[in-house]
Protein backbone atom coordinates (compact mmCIF):
# COMPACT_ATOMS: atom_id res chain seq x y z
CA MET A 1 13.60 87.55 -96.13
CA PRO A 2 12.22 90.97 -97.13
CA GLN A 3 14.53 93.93 -96.51
CA HIS A 4 11.83 95.98 -94.70
CA GLU A 5 11.30 96.51 -90.99
CA TYR A 6 7.52 96.51 -91.51
CA THR A 7 4.99 93.91 -92.60
CA ALA A 8 2.64 93.82 -95.60
CA GLU A 9 -0.23 94.31 -93.19
CA TYR A 10 1.28 97.49 -91.89
CA ALA A 11 2.15 98.79 -95.30
CA LEU A 12 -1.50 98.15 -96.57
CA ASP A 13 -2.88 99.89 -93.50
CA LEU A 14 -0.61 102.90 -93.98
CA LEU A 15 -1.50 103.10 -97.68
CA MET A 16 -5.22 103.06 -97.10
CA LYS A 17 -4.83 105.68 -94.23
CA LYS A 18 -2.88 107.98 -96.48
CA LEU A 19 -5.40 107.46 -99.38
CA THR A 20 -8.34 108.16 -97.11
CA GLU A 21 -6.70 111.44 -96.00
CA ARG A 22 -6.14 112.66 -99.44
CA SER A 23 -9.02 111.16 -101.46
CA PRO A 24 -11.82 109.28 -99.60
CA GLU A 25 -13.46 108.29 -102.94
CA LEU A 26 -10.32 106.80 -104.36
CA ALA A 27 -9.63 105.08 -100.99
CA ARG A 28 -13.20 103.53 -101.17
CA GLN A 29 -12.50 102.26 -104.69
CA ILE A 30 -9.16 100.79 -103.70
CA GLN A 31 -10.73 99.13 -100.58
CA ASP A 32 -13.45 97.61 -102.81
CA VAL A 33 -10.72 96.01 -105.02
CA VAL A 34 -8.99 94.64 -101.88
CA ASP A 35 -12.24 93.39 -100.34
CA HIS A 36 -13.17 91.55 -103.57
CA GLY A 37 -10.58 88.87 -102.95
CA LYS A 38 -9.63 86.28 -105.51
CA ASP A 39 -11.24 83.27 -107.12
CA ALA A 40 -10.00 79.84 -105.85
CA GLY A 41 -10.91 76.50 -107.19
CA GLU A 42 -11.72 73.69 -104.73
CA GLN A 43 -12.50 69.99 -104.99
CA GLU A 44 -14.80 68.20 -102.62
CA ARG A 45 -15.06 64.53 -102.40
CA PRO A 46 -18.35 63.34 -100.85
CA PRO A 47 -18.40 60.28 -98.58
CA GLY A 48 -19.29 57.04 -100.14
CA GLY A 49 -16.96 57.13 -103.09
CA LYS A 50 -19.22 59.32 -105.31
CA LYS A 51 -17.80 61.45 -107.98
CA SER A 52 -15.88 64.48 -106.62
CA ARG A 53 -17.26 67.97 -107.16
CA ARG A 54 -15.13 70.98 -108.24
CA TYR A 55 -16.28 74.55 -107.54
CA ARG A 56 -14.95 78.07 -107.43
CA LYS A 57 -15.23 80.40 -104.51
CA THR A 58 -13.94 83.81 -103.59
CA VAL A 59 -11.26 83.81 -100.85
CA PRO A 60 -9.73 86.96 -99.23
CA TYR A 61 -6.30 88.15 -100.35
CA SER A 62 -3.30 87.68 -98.19
CA TYR A 63 -1.88 90.99 -96.96
CA GLY A 64 0.86 90.82 -99.62
CA GLU A 65 -1.60 89.98 -102.38
CA ALA A 66 -4.03 92.74 -101.14
CA LEU A 67 -1.14 95.23 -101.28
CA ASN A 68 -0.30 94.24 -104.94
CA ALA A 69 -3.96 94.47 -105.81
CA ALA A 70 -4.15 98.02 -104.35
CA LEU A 71 -0.97 99.03 -106.20
CA ASP A 72 -2.43 97.60 -109.49
CA ALA A 73 -5.60 99.62 -108.93
CA LEU A 74 -3.67 102.80 -108.28
CA GLY A 75 -1.73 102.09 -111.49
CA ALA A 76 -5.09 101.79 -113.27
CA HIS A 77 -6.29 105.05 -111.86
CA PHE A 78 -3.18 107.13 -112.28
CA ILE A 79 -1.59 105.62 -115.39
CA GLN A 80 -3.91 103.48 -117.50
CA GLN A 81 -6.98 105.73 -117.35
CA PRO A 82 -5.05 108.88 -118.31
CA LEU A 83 -3.56 107.00 -121.23
CA ILE A 84 -7.06 105.80 -122.38
CA ILE A 85 -8.35 109.33 -122.13
CA ASN A 86 -5.47 110.72 -123.99
CA SER A 87 -6.03 108.15 -126.74
CA ALA A 88 -9.75 109.01 -126.97
CA CYS A 89 -9.02 112.71 -127.12
CA GLU A 90 -6.42 112.22 -129.93
CA GLU A 91 -8.90 110.09 -131.90
CA MET A 92 -11.56 112.64 -131.42
CA ARG A 93 -9.25 115.43 -132.47
CA GLU A 94 -8.88 113.83 -135.87
CA ALA A 95 -12.59 113.08 -136.24
CA ALA A 96 -14.78 115.33 -138.38
CA VAL A 97 -18.03 116.54 -136.98
CA GLY A 98 -21.11 116.17 -139.29
CA ASN A 99 -22.85 119.33 -140.44
CA GLY A 100 -26.33 117.83 -140.04
CA SER A 101 -27.78 119.60 -143.23
CA SER A 102 -29.03 116.41 -144.80
CA SER A 103 -32.69 115.67 -145.49
CA ARG A 104 -32.38 112.76 -147.87
CA GLY A 105 -33.38 109.10 -147.12
CA PHE A 106 -31.93 107.85 -143.86
CA GLY A 107 -30.83 111.06 -142.26
CA PHE A 108 -28.34 109.38 -139.96
CA LEU A 109 -26.44 107.72 -142.83
CA ASP A 110 -26.17 110.99 -144.84
CA HIS A 111 -25.05 112.67 -141.65
CA PHE A 112 -21.93 110.52 -141.60
CA ARG A 113 -21.38 110.91 -145.38
CA GLU A 114 -21.45 114.68 -145.37
CA GLN A 115 -18.85 115.51 -142.68
CA SER A 116 -17.26 118.89 -142.29
CA ALA A 117 -13.56 118.96 -142.57
CA GLU A 118 -13.46 122.18 -140.62
CA ALA A 119 -13.56 120.29 -137.25
CA LYS A 120 -10.63 117.95 -138.06
CA GLY A 121 -7.58 118.62 -135.98
CA GLN A 122 -9.53 120.65 -133.32
CA GLN A 123 -9.75 119.65 -129.69
CA LYS A 124 -13.39 118.52 -128.88
CA SER A 125 -15.07 118.30 -125.56
CA ILE A 126 -15.55 114.73 -124.30
CA GLU A 127 -17.84 114.06 -121.34
CA ILE A 128 -19.18 110.89 -119.69
CA GLU A 129 -22.82 110.90 -118.79
CA LEU A 130 -23.08 110.07 -115.12
CA VAL A 131 -26.89 110.11 -115.07
CA THR A 132 -28.32 108.66 -118.20
CA GLU A 133 -31.72 109.56 -119.75
CA THR A 134 -33.16 106.15 -119.01
CA GLN A 135 -32.34 106.13 -115.25
CA VAL A 136 -34.98 107.13 -112.74
CA ARG A 137 -33.80 110.35 -111.28
CA PRO A 138 -34.13 111.35 -107.70
CA LEU A 139 -36.36 114.34 -106.85
CA ALA A 140 -33.32 116.55 -106.32
CA PRO A 141 -31.12 117.09 -109.35
CA ALA A 142 -27.67 115.46 -109.37
CA ALA A 143 -24.85 117.77 -108.52
CA GLN A 144 -23.01 116.79 -111.65
CA GLU A 145 -24.71 114.96 -114.54
CA THR A 146 -21.57 114.66 -116.76
CA TYR A 147 -17.97 114.26 -116.14
CA PRO A 148 -15.55 116.05 -118.55
CA LEU A 149 -12.52 114.06 -119.64
CA LYS A 150 -9.30 116.06 -119.85
CA GLU A 151 -6.00 115.05 -121.39
CA THR A 152 -3.09 114.43 -119.14
CA SER A 153 0.51 115.39 -120.33
CA GLU A 154 2.88 112.64 -121.10
CA ALA A 155 5.32 114.09 -118.53
CA GLN A 156 2.69 113.73 -115.75
CA VAL A 157 1.99 110.10 -116.85
CA GLU A 158 5.77 109.40 -116.82
CA GLU A 159 5.96 110.92 -113.33
CA GLN A 160 3.09 108.77 -112.10
CA LYS A 161 4.92 105.73 -113.37
CA GLN A 162 8.03 106.67 -111.55
CA HIS A 163 5.99 107.21 -108.33
CA LEU A 164 4.26 103.91 -108.68
CA ALA A 165 7.58 102.07 -109.43
CA LYS A 166 9.08 103.63 -106.17
CA LEU A 167 5.97 102.58 -104.13
CA ARG A 168 6.14 99.08 -105.51
CA ALA A 169 9.85 98.91 -104.45
CA LEU A 170 8.92 100.04 -100.93
CA PHE A 171 6.13 97.47 -100.78
CA ASP A 172 8.09 94.51 -102.20
CA PHE A 173 7.85 91.63 -99.80
CA ARG A 174 9.25 88.87 -101.89
CA GLU A 175 11.86 86.74 -100.30
């Protein structure tokens, strides 16, 4: 029997309510994860002794499973993504930037051969293009066409890990 005085349904509702208050966009993403459900395999035996048929379908999560899926998605948002961004920033910091002064043969190959060592070890700006050049753009320009990636300190990532561990302990409904 769980040691809580509340149910997984109540905990999920409370989590989603708090997320919606603080960050409606994040709450929408977490709700999408919960609404996606899980794959389940089923077997159907038609009447008349014919060969049975196996198929997969998506079924909703139970409240406990939905709560775990929401916590996994929060972990991806607050822990895994910052670690990936930190890794990309570190890799880019050590990369050299080409000087582009080549005019021989295949310019793009020469560009990579003749790299400037000056940029090695320097922090570089990394941005994700939100609206690509090949997309049909609306008449009004997008508010933000790129999203800059910024490093997160290891102390902040560790703090997020501790917060998520506490949240998981609060929402542990195993018997």
